[in-house]
PDB file of N, CA and C in Angstrom:
ATOM      1  N   UNK A   1       0.824  -1.192   0.000  1.00  0.00           N
ATOM      2  CA  UNK A   1       0.000   0.000   0.000  1.00  0.00           C
ATOM      3  C   UNK A   1       0.872   1.261   0.000  1.00  0.00           C
ATOM      4  N   UNK A   2       1.977   1.248   0.687  1.00  0.00           N
ATOM      5  CA  UNK A   2       2.859   2.414   0.738  1.00  0.00           C
ATOM      6  C   UNK A   2       3.359   2.786  -0.660  1.00  0.00           C
ATOM      7  N   UNK A   3       3.607   1.788  -1.460  1.00  0.00           N
ATOM      8  CA  UNK A   3       4.106   2.057  -2.812  1.00  0.00           C
ATOM      9  C   UNK A   3       3.058   2.815  -3.631  1.00  0.00           C
ATOM     10  N   UNK A   4       1.815   2.418  -3.508  1.00  0.00           N
ATOM     11  CA  UNK A   4       0.734   3.097  -4.201  1.00  0.00           C
ATOM     12  C   UNK A   4       0.614   4.545  -3.721  1.00  0.00           C
ATOM     13  N   UNK A   5       0.717   4.753  -2.426  1.00  0.00           N
ATOM     14  CA  UNK A   5       0.657   6.114  -1.876  1.00  0.00           C
ATOM     15  C   UNK A   5       1.802   6.967  -2.417  1.00  0.00           C
ATOM     16  N   UNK A   6       2.976   6.399  -2.519  1.00  0.00           N
ATOM     17  CA  UNK A   6       4.131   7.123  -3.050  1.00  0.00           C
ATOM     18  C   UNK A   6       3.912   7.481  -4.517  1.00  0.00           C
ATOM     19  N   UNK A   7       3.376   6.566  -5.279  1.00  0.00           N
ATOM     20  CA  UNK A   7       3.110   6.824  -6.697  1.00  0.00           C
ATOM     21  C   UNK A   7       2.078   7.947  -6.851  1.00  0.00           C
ATOM     22  N   UNK A   8       1.017   7.893  -6.073  1.00  0.00           N
ATOM     23  CA  UNK A   8      -0.012   8.943  -6.134  1.00  0.00           C
ATOM     24  C   UNK A   8       0.585  10.285  -5.722  1.00  0.00           C
ATOM     25  N   UNK A   9       1.386  10.290  -4.662  1.00  0.00           N
ATOM     26  CA  UNK A   9       2.026  11.529  -4.212  1.00  0.00           C
ATOM     27  C   UNK A   9       2.909  12.113  -5.305  1.00  0.00           C
ATOM     28  N   UNK A  10       3.730  11.291  -5.936  1.00  0.00           N
ATOM     29  CA  UNK A  10       4.609  11.772  -7.001  1.00  0.00           C
ATOM     30  C   UNK A  10       3.810  12.274  -8.200  1.00  0.00           C
ATOM     31  N   UNK A  11       2.743  11.586  -8.530  1.00  0.00           N
ATOM     32  CA  UNK A  11       1.896  12.033  -9.629  1.00  0.00           C
ATOM     33  C   UNK A  11       1.313  13.410  -9.339  1.00  0.00           C
ATOM     34  N   UNK A  12       0.785  13.603  -8.151  1.00  0.00           N
ATOM     35  CA  UNK A  12       0.199  14.897  -7.789  1.00  0.00           C
ATOM     36  C   UNK A  12       1.253  15.997  -7.747  1.00  0.00           C
ATOM     37  N   UNK A  13       2.425  15.653  -7.313  1.00  0.00           N
ATOM     38  CA  UNK A  13       3.511  16.623  -7.238  1.00  0.00           C
ATOM     39  C   UNK A  13       3.929  17.097  -8.618  1.00  0.00           C
ATOM     40  N   UNK A  14       3.951  16.190  -9.581  1.00  0.00           N
ATOM     41  CA  UNK A  14       4.418  16.511 -10.921  1.00  0.00           C
ATOM     42  C   UNK A  14       3.316  16.890 -11.892  1.00  0.00           C
ATOM     43  N   UNK A  15       2.075  16.741 -11.483  1.00  0.00           N
ATOM     44  CA  UNK A  15       0.951  17.016 -12.382  1.00  0.00           C
ATOM     45  C   UNK A  15       0.864  18.505 -12.704  1.00  0.00           C
ATOM     46  N   UNK A  16       0.481  18.838 -13.935  1.00  0.00           N
ATOM     47  CA  UNK A  16       0.270  20.248 -14.272  1.00  0.00           C
ATOM     48  C   UNK A  16      -0.776  20.854 -13.344  1.00  0.00           C
ATOM     49  N   UNK A  17      -0.568  22.082 -12.945  1.00  0.00           N
ATOM     50  CA  UNK A  17      -1.481  22.739 -12.032  1.00  0.00           C
ATOM     51  C   UNK A  17      -1.095  22.538 -10.582  1.00  0.00           C
ATOM     52  N   UNK A  18      -0.303  21.518 -10.305  1.00  0.00           N
ATOM     53  CA  UNK A  18       0.145  21.291  -8.946  1.00  0.00           C
ATOM     54  C   UNK A  18       1.360  22.149  -8.641  1.00  0.00           C
ATOM     55  N   UNK A  19       1.956  22.705  -9.660  1.00  0.00           N
ATOM     56  CA  UNK A  19       3.134  23.534  -9.483  1.00  0.00           C
ATOM     57  C   UNK A  19       2.725  24.921  -8.995  1.00  0.00           C
ATOM     58  N   UNK A  20       3.604  25.539  -8.251  1.00  0.00           N
ATOM     59  CA  UNK A  20       3.345  26.894  -7.764  1.00  0.00           C
ATOM     60  C   UNK A  20       3.391  27.874  -8.923  1.00  0.00           C
ATOM     61  N   UNK A  21       2.719  28.976  -8.767  1.00  0.00           N
ATOM     62  CA  UNK A  21       2.766  30.015  -9.780  1.00  0.00           C
ATOM     63  C   UNK A  21       4.178  30.562  -9.858  1.00  0.00           C
ATOM     64  N   UNK A  22       4.604  30.904 -11.043  1.00  0.00           N
ATOM     65  CA  UNK A  22       5.975  31.347 -11.282  1.00  0.00           C
ATOM     66  C   UNK A  22       5.961  32.802 -11.746  1.00  0.00           C
ATOM     67  N   UNK A  23       6.180  33.716 -10.812  1.00  0.00           N
ATOM     68  CA  UNK A  23       6.140  35.145 -11.124  1.00  0.00           C
ATOM     69  C   UNK A  23       7.247  35.541 -12.094  1.00  0.00           C
ATOM     70  N   UNK A  24       8.377  34.880 -12.009  1.00  0.00           N
ATOM     71  CA  UNK A  24       9.483  35.203 -12.928  1.00  0.00           C
ATOM     72  C   UNK A  24       9.087  34.856 -14.368  1.00  0.00           C
ATOM     73  N   UNK A  25       8.464  33.711 -14.541  1.00  0.00           N
ATOM     74  CA  UNK A  25       7.965  33.309 -15.864  1.00  0.00           C
ATOM     75  C   UNK A  25       6.851  34.256 -16.306  1.00  0.00           C
ATOM     76  N   UNK A  26       5.998  34.655 -15.360  1.00  0.00           N
ATOM     77  CA  UNK A  26       4.926  35.597 -15.654  1.00  0.00           C
ATOM     78  C   UNK A  26       5.451  36.934 -16.148  1.00  0.00           C
ATOM     79  N   UNK A  27       6.549  37.385 -15.550  1.00  0.00           N
ATOM     80  CA  UNK A  27       7.165  38.636 -15.996  1.00  0.00           C
ATOM     81  C   UNK A  27       7.648  38.506 -17.444  1.00  0.00           C
ATOM     82  N   UNK A  28       8.257  37.385 -17.730  1.00  0.00           N
ATOM     83  CA  UNK A  28       8.752  37.132 -19.087  1.00  0.00           C
ATOM     84  C   UNK A  28       7.593  37.129 -20.090  1.00  0.00           C
ATOM     85  N   UNK A  29       6.505  36.476 -19.744  1.00  0.00           N
ATOM     86  CA  UNK A  29       5.324  36.453 -20.610  1.00  0.00           C
ATOM     87  C   UNK A  29       4.746  37.856 -20.779  1.00  0.00           C
ATOM     88  N   UNK A  30       4.653  38.589 -19.682  1.00  0.00           N
ATOM     89  CA  UNK A  30       4.114  39.945 -19.717  1.00  0.00           C
ATOM     90  C   UNK A  30       4.972  40.834 -20.614  1.00  0.00           C
ATOM     91  N   UNK A  31       6.284  40.759 -20.430  1.00  0.00           N
ATOM     92  CA  UNK A  31       7.180  41.599 -21.221  1.00  0.00           C
ATOM     93  C   UNK A  31       7.192  41.197 -22.699  1.00  0.00           C
ATOM     94  N   UNK A  32       6.936  39.961 -22.987  1.00  0.00           N
ATOM     95  CA  UNK A  32       6.916  39.488 -24.370  1.00  0.00           C
ATOM     96  C   UNK A  32       5.598  39.809 -25.066  1.00  0.00           C
ATOM     97  N   UNK A  33       4.474  39.639 -24.367  1.00  0.00           N
ATOM     98  CA  UNK A  33       3.173  39.705 -25.028  1.00  0.00           C
ATOM     99  C   UNK A  33       2.302  40.901 -24.650  1.00  0.00           C
ATOM    100  N   UNK A  34       2.585  41.564 -23.558  1.00  0.00           N
ATOM    101  CA  UNK A  34       1.648  42.575 -23.066  1.00  0.00           C
ATOM    102  C   UNK A  34       2.198  44.002 -23.073  1.00  0.00           C
ATOM    103  N   UNK A  35       3.471  44.138 -22.808  1.00  0.00           N
ATOM    104  CA  UNK A  35       4.024  45.458 -22.543  1.00  0.00           C
ATOM    105  C   UNK A  35       4.037  46.381 -23.764  1.00  0.00           C
ATOM    106  N   UNK A  36       3.982  45.836 -24.968  1.00  0.00           N
ATOM    107  CA  UNK A  36       4.007  46.704 -26.148  1.00  0.00           C
ATOM    108  C   UNK A  36       2.784  47.623 -26.185  1.00  0.00           C
ATOM    109  N   UNK A  37       1.649  47.168 -25.673  1.00  0.00           N
ATOM    110  CA  UNK A  37       0.438  47.999 -25.634  1.00  0.00           C
ATOM    111  C   UNK A  37       0.083  48.443 -24.219  1.00  0.00           C
ATOM    112  N   UNK A  38       0.559  47.718 -23.245  1.00  0.00           N
ATOM    113  CA  UNK A  38       0.084  47.866 -21.882  1.00  0.00           C
ATOM    114  C   UNK A  38       1.262  48.157 -20.960  1.00  0.00           C
ATOM    115  N   UNK A  39       1.717  49.403 -21.000  1.00  0.00           N
ATOM    116  CA  UNK A  39       2.886  49.768 -20.205  1.00  0.00           C
ATOM    117  C   UNK A  39       2.621  49.555 -18.718  1.00  0.00           C
ATOM    118  N   UNK A  40       3.663  49.298 -17.964  1.00  0.00           N
ATOM    119  CA  UNK A  40       3.507  48.898 -16.576  1.00  0.00           C
ATOM    120  C   UNK A  40       2.931  49.976 -15.664  1.00  0.00           C
ATOM    121  N   UNK A  41       3.074  51.235 -16.010  1.00  0.00           N
ATOM    122  CA  UNK A  41       2.571  52.280 -15.122  1.00  0.00           C
ATOM    123  C   UNK A  41       1.059  52.255 -14.975  1.00  0.00           C
ATOM    124  N   UNK A  42       0.367  51.606 -15.898  1.00  0.00           N
ATOM    125  CA  UNK A  42      -1.080  51.495 -15.793  1.00  0.00           C
ATOM    126  C   UNK A  42      -1.464  50.725 -14.527  1.00  0.00           C
ATOM    127  N   UNK A  43      -0.593  49.850 -14.054  1.00  0.00           N
ATOM    128  CA  UNK A  43      -0.871  49.064 -12.849  1.00  0.00           C
ATOM    129  C   UNK A  43      -0.643  49.871 -11.579  1.00  0.00           C
ATOM    130  N   UNK A  44      -0.057  51.037 -11.703  1.00  0.00           N
ATOM    131  CA  UNK A  44       0.283  51.830 -10.528  1.00  0.00           C
ATOM    132  C   UNK A  44      -0.737  52.924 -10.248  1.00  0.00           C
ATOM    133  N   UNK A  45      -1.908  52.847 -10.854  1.00  0.00           N
ATOM    134  CA  UNK A  45      -2.941  53.855 -10.616  1.00  0.00           C
ATOM    135  C   UNK A  45      -3.500  53.732  -9.197  1.00  0.00           C
ATOM    136  N   UNK A  46      -4.194  54.748  -8.774  1.00  0.00           N
ATOM    137  CA  UNK A  46      -4.770  54.770  -7.424  1.00  0.00           C
ATOM    138  C   UNK A  46      -5.730  53.606  -7.221  1.00  0.00           C
ATOM    139  N   UNK A  47      -5.740  53.066  -6.032  1.00  0.00           N
ATOM    140  CA  UNK A  47      -6.610  51.923  -5.718  1.00  0.00           C
ATOM    141  C   UNK A  47      -8.085  52.242  -5.944  1.00  0.00           C
ATOM    142  N   UNK A  48      -8.439  53.496  -5.818  1.00  0.00           N
ATOM    143  CA  UNK A  48      -9.838  53.885  -6.016  1.00  0.00           C
ATOM    144  C   UNK A  48     -10.198  53.949  -7.498  1.00  0.00           C
ATOM    145  N   UNK A  49      -9.203  53.921  -8.364  1.00  0.00           N
ATOM    146  CA  UNK A  49      -9.433  54.040  -9.803  1.00  0.00           C
ATOM    147  C   UNK A  49      -9.025  52.759 -10.536  1.00  0.00           C
ATOM    148  N   UNK A  50      -9.395  51.616  -9.995  1.00  0.00           N
ATOM    149  CA  UNK A  50      -9.034  50.337 -10.596  1.00  0.00           C
ATOM    150  C   UNK A  50     -10.191  49.354 -10.495  1.00  0.00           C
ATOM    151  N   UNK A  51     -10.217  48.410 -11.399  1.00  0.00           N
ATOM    152  CA  UNK A  51     -11.216  47.341 -11.354  1.00  0.00           C
ATOM    153  C   UNK A  51     -10.689  46.137 -10.580  1.00  0.00           C
ATOM    154  N   UNK A  52      -9.441  46.193 -10.172  1.00  0.00           N
ATOM    155  CA  UNK A  52      -8.795  45.055  -9.529  1.00  0.00           C
ATOM    156  C   UNK A  52      -8.753  45.254  -8.012  1.00  0.00           C
ATOM    157  N   UNK A  53      -9.543  44.442  -7.307  1.00  0.00           N
ATOM    158  CA  UNK A  53      -9.584  44.515  -5.853  1.00  0.00           C
ATOM    159  C   UNK A  53      -9.278  43.160  -5.211  1.00  0.00           C
ATOM    160  N   UNK A  54      -9.094  42.127  -6.048  1.00  0.00           N
ATOM    161  CA  UNK A  54      -8.796  40.787  -5.547  1.00  0.00           C
ATOM    162  C   UNK A  54      -8.006  40.035  -6.612  1.00  0.00           C
ATOM    163  N   UNK A  55      -7.442  38.909  -6.220  1.00  0.00           N
ATOM    164  CA  UNK A  55      -6.734  38.077  -7.203  1.00  0.00           C
ATOM    165  C   UNK A  55      -7.685  37.583  -8.285  1.00  0.00           C
ATOM    166  N   UNK A  56      -8.924  37.311  -7.910  1.00  0.00           N
ATOM    167  CA  UNK A  56      -9.922  36.877  -8.905  1.00  0.00           C
ATOM    168  C   UNK A  56     -10.168  37.992  -9.922  1.00  0.00           C
ATOM    169  N   UNK A  57     -10.253  39.234  -9.452  1.00  0.00           N
ATOM    170  CA  UNK A  57     -10.420  40.376 -10.359  1.00  0.00           C
ATOM    171  C   UNK A  57      -9.231  40.501 -11.297  1.00  0.00           C
ATOM    172  N   UNK A  58      -8.034  40.349 -10.739  1.00  0.00           N
ATOM    173  CA  UNK A  58      -6.819  40.468 -11.539  1.00  0.00           C
ATOM    174  C   UNK A  58      -6.780  39.386 -12.612  1.00  0.00           C
ATOM    175  N   UNK A  59      -7.092  38.180 -12.228  1.00  0.00           N
ATOM    176  CA  UNK A  59      -7.103  37.072 -13.190  1.00  0.00           C
ATOM    177  C   UNK A  59      -8.149  37.313 -14.281  1.00  0.00           C
ATOM    178  N   UNK A  60      -9.302  37.809 -13.876  1.00  0.00           N
ATOM    179  CA  UNK A  60     -10.370  38.095 -14.840  1.00  0.00           C
ATOM    180  C   UNK A  60      -9.922  39.165 -15.844  1.00  0.00           C
ATOM    181  N   UNK A  61      -9.265  40.202 -15.366  1.00  0.00           N
ATOM    182  CA  UNK A  61      -8.794  41.265 -16.244  1.00  0.00           C
ATOM    183  C   UNK A  61      -7.717  40.764 -17.208  1.00  0.00           C
ATOM    184  N   UNK A  62      -6.751  40.004 -16.696  1.00  0.00           N
ATOM    185  CA  UNK A  62      -5.690  39.470 -17.553  1.00  0.00           C
ATOM    186  C   UNK A  62      -6.297  38.559 -18.619  1.00  0.00           C
ATOM    187  N   UNK A  63      -7.209  37.716 -18.216  1.00  0.00           N
ATOM    188  CA  UNK A  63      -7.853  36.793 -19.152  1.00  0.00           C
ATOM    189  C   UNK A  63      -8.656  37.555 -20.205  1.00  0.00           C
ATOM    190  N   UNK A  64      -9.433  38.535 -19.767  1.00  0.00           N
ATOM    191  CA  UNK A  64     -10.269  39.299 -20.700  1.00  0.00           C
ATOM    192  C   UNK A  64      -9.411  40.056 -21.713  1.00  0.00           C
ATOM    193  N   UNK A  65      -8.371  40.716 -21.233  1.00  0.00           N
ATOM    194  CA  UNK A  65      -7.525  41.484 -22.151  1.00  0.00           C
ATOM    195  C   UNK A  65      -6.747  40.573 -23.092  1.00  0.00           C
ATOM    196  N   UNK A  66      -6.358  39.406 -22.611  1.00  0.00           N
ATOM    197  CA  UNK A  66      -5.630  38.495 -23.495  1.00  0.00           C
ATOM    198  C   UNK A  66      -6.536  38.041 -24.645  1.00  0.00           C
ATOM    199  N   UNK A  67      -7.803  37.800 -24.350  1.00  0.00           N
ATOM    200  CA  UNK A  67      -8.745  37.398 -25.401  1.00  0.00           C
ATOM    201  C   UNK A  67      -8.979  38.537 -26.388  1.00  0.00           C
ATOM    202  N   UNK A  68      -9.106  39.753 -25.870  1.00  0.00           N
ATOM    203  CA  UNK A  68      -9.342  40.908 -26.742  1.00  0.00           C
ATOM    204  C   UNK A  68      -8.179  41.161 -27.691  1.00  0.00           C
ATOM    205  N   UNK A  69      -6.976  40.809 -27.273  1.00  0.00           N
ATOM    206  CA  UNK A  69      -5.797  41.054 -28.105  1.00  0.00           C
ATOM    207  C   UNK A  69      -5.387  39.830 -28.914  1.00  0.00           C
ATOM    208  N   UNK A  70      -6.139  38.748 -28.773  1.00  0.00           N
ATOM    209  CA  UNK A  70      -5.841  37.554 -29.557  1.00  0.00           C
ATOM    210  C   UNK A  70      -4.754  36.664 -28.980  1.00  0.00           C
ATOM    211  N   UNK A  71      -4.342  36.930 -27.759  1.00  0.00           N
ATOM    212  CA  UNK A  71      -3.339  36.069 -27.116  1.00  0.00           C
ATOM    213  C   UNK A  71      -3.998  34.753 -26.716  1.00  0.00           C
ATOM    214  N   UNK A  72      -3.272  33.678 -26.874  1.00  0.00           N
ATOM    215  CA  UNK A  72      -3.783  32.370 -26.465  1.00  0.00           C
ATOM    216  C   UNK A  72      -2.911  31.837 -25.339  1.00  0.00           C
ATOM    217  N   UNK A  73      -3.159  32.338 -24.143  1.00  0.00           N
ATOM    218  CA  UNK A  73      -2.415  31.893 -22.970  1.00  0.00           C
ATOM    219  C   UNK A  73      -3.045  30.634 -22.402  1.00  0.00           C
ATOM    220  N   UNK A  74      -2.207  29.752 -21.894  1.00  0.00           N
ATOM    221  CA  UNK A  74      -2.696  28.583 -21.166  1.00  0.00           C
ATOM    222  C   UNK A  74      -3.106  29.036 -19.767  1.00  0.00           C
ATOM    223  N   UNK A  75      -3.755  28.147 -19.028  1.00  0.00           N
ATOM    224  CA  UNK A  75      -4.107  28.457 -17.641  1.00  0.00           C
ATOM    225  C   UNK A  75      -2.850  28.744 -16.826  1.00  0.00           C
ATOM    226  N   UNK A  76      -1.802  27.979 -17.087  1.00  0.00           N
ATOM    227  CA  UNK A  76      -0.534  28.187 -16.387  1.00  0.00           C
ATOM    228  C   UNK A  76       0.049  29.559 -16.727  1.00  0.00           C
ATOM    229  N   UNK A  77      -0.016  29.955 -17.986  1.00  0.00           N
ATOM    230  CA  UNK A  77       0.460  31.279 -18.396  1.00  0.00           C
ATOM    231  C   UNK A  77      -0.288  32.367 -17.634  1.00  0.00           C
ATOM    232  N   UNK A  78      -1.617  32.256 -17.605  1.00  0.00           N
ATOM    233  CA  UNK A  78      -2.428  33.250 -16.896  1.00  0.00           C
ATOM    234  C   UNK A  78      -2.078  33.301 -15.417  1.00  0.00           C
ATOM    235  N   UNK A  79      -1.929  32.134 -14.800  1.00  0.00           N
ATOM    236  CA  UNK A  79      -1.560  32.077 -13.381  1.00  0.00           C
ATOM    237  C   UNK A  79      -0.219  32.767 -13.143  1.00  0.00           C
ATOM    238  N   UNK A  80       0.737  32.534 -14.028  1.00  0.00           N
ATOM    239  CA  UNK A  80       2.067  33.108 -13.867  1.00  0.00           C
ATOM    240  C   UNK A  80       2.052  34.625 -14.078  1.00  0.00           C
ATOM    241  N   UNK A  81       1.293  35.098 -15.053  1.00  0.00           N
ATOM    242  CA  UNK A  81       1.194  36.545 -15.284  1.00  0.00           C
ATOM    243  C   UNK A  81       0.521  37.216 -14.090  1.00  0.00           C
ATOM    244  N   UNK A  82      -0.537  36.610 -13.583  1.00  0.00           N
ATOM    245  CA  UNK A  82      -1.217  37.144 -12.405  1.00  0.00           C
ATOM    246  C   UNK A  82      -0.258  37.158 -11.210  1.00  0.00           C
ATOM    247  N   UNK A  83       0.509  36.098 -11.036  1.00  0.00           N
ATOM    248  CA  UNK A  83       1.476  36.051  -9.934  1.00  0.00           C
ATOM    249  C   UNK A  83       2.493  37.174 -10.070  1.00  0.00           C
ATOM    250  N   UNK A  84       2.983  37.408 -11.272  1.00  0.00           N
ATOM    251  CA  UNK A  84       3.945  38.487 -11.497  1.00  0.00           C
ATOM    252  C   UNK A  84       3.329  39.847 -11.192  1.00  0.00           C
ATOM    253  N   UNK A  85       2.152  40.115 -11.752  1.00  0.00           N
ATOM    254  CA  UNK A  85       1.524  41.419 -11.534  1.00  0.00           C
ATOM    255  C   UNK A  85       1.180  41.639 -10.067  1.00  0.00           C
ATOM    256  N   UNK A  86       0.757  40.594  -9.391  1.00  0.00           N
ATOM    257  CA  UNK A  86       0.446  40.730  -7.980  1.00  0.00           C
ATOM    258  C   UNK A  86       1.716  41.000  -7.166  1.00  0.00           C
ATOM    259  N   UNK A  87       2.760  40.286  -7.483  1.00  0.00           N
ATOM    260  CA  UNK A  87       4.017  40.453  -6.736  1.00  0.00           C
ATOM    261  C   UNK A  87       4.654  41.820  -7.021  1.00  0.00           C
ATOM    262  N   UNK A  88       4.552  42.283  -8.243  1.00  0.00           N
ATOM    263  CA  UNK A  88       5.239  43.515  -8.617  1.00  0.00           C
ATOM    264  C   UNK A  88       4.418  44.784  -8.400  1.00  0.00           C
ATOM    265  N   UNK A  89       3.082  44.688  -8.444  1.00  0.00           N
ATOM    266  CA  UNK A  89       2.266  45.900  -8.406  1.00  0.00           C
ATOM    267  C   UNK A  89       1.112  45.873  -7.412  1.00  0.00           C
ATOM    268  N   UNK A  90       0.335  44.821  -7.396  1.00  0.00           N
ATOM    269  CA  UNK A  90      -0.931  44.850  -6.684  1.00  0.00           C
ATOM    270  C   UNK A  90      -0.831  44.475  -5.209  1.00  0.00           C
ATOM    271  N   UNK A  91      -0.033  43.495  -4.884  1.00  0.00           N
ATOM    272  CA  UNK A  91       0.164  43.051  -3.497  1.00  0.00           C
ATOM    273  C   UNK A  91      -1.171  42.676  -2.833  1.00  0.00           C
ATOM    274  N   UNK A  92      -1.973  41.925  -3.551  1.00  0.00           N
ATOM    275  CA  UNK A  92      -3.254  41.468  -3.025  1.00  0.00           C
ATOM    276  C   UNK A  92      -3.057  40.232  -2.156  1.00  0.00           C
ATOM    277  N   UNK A  93      -3.955  40.035  -1.230  1.00  0.00           N
ATOM    278  CA  UNK A  93      -3.870  38.844  -0.370  1.00  0.00           C
ATOM    279  C   UNK A  93      -4.218  37.609  -1.175  1.00  0.00           C
ATOM    280  N   UNK A  94      -3.511  36.527  -0.895  1.00  0.00           N
ATOM    281  CA  UNK A  94      -3.740  35.266  -1.614  1.00  0.00           C
ATOM    282  C   UNK A  94      -4.822  34.461  -0.956  1.00  0.00           C
TER     283      UNK A  94
END
């Protein structure tokens, strides 16, 4: 039985989505695909003048804008971009 538990544990550890968000990768994606139209200072606006008040809001905005611009990000890409923007600008609670 222990062997089966170890196999399941390793599978869950290595499965896509089980990995932590990668803000460094998110920065790379942002700088490659977003910054040409969406300069970073837009994220530094006053808290009262933003649609982003939670991580869910941030993810929704990143997803919506990526669709509007024709970007085809994976779920992992979106998670990483959100992690980068949160770490660098928003500092929202997780």
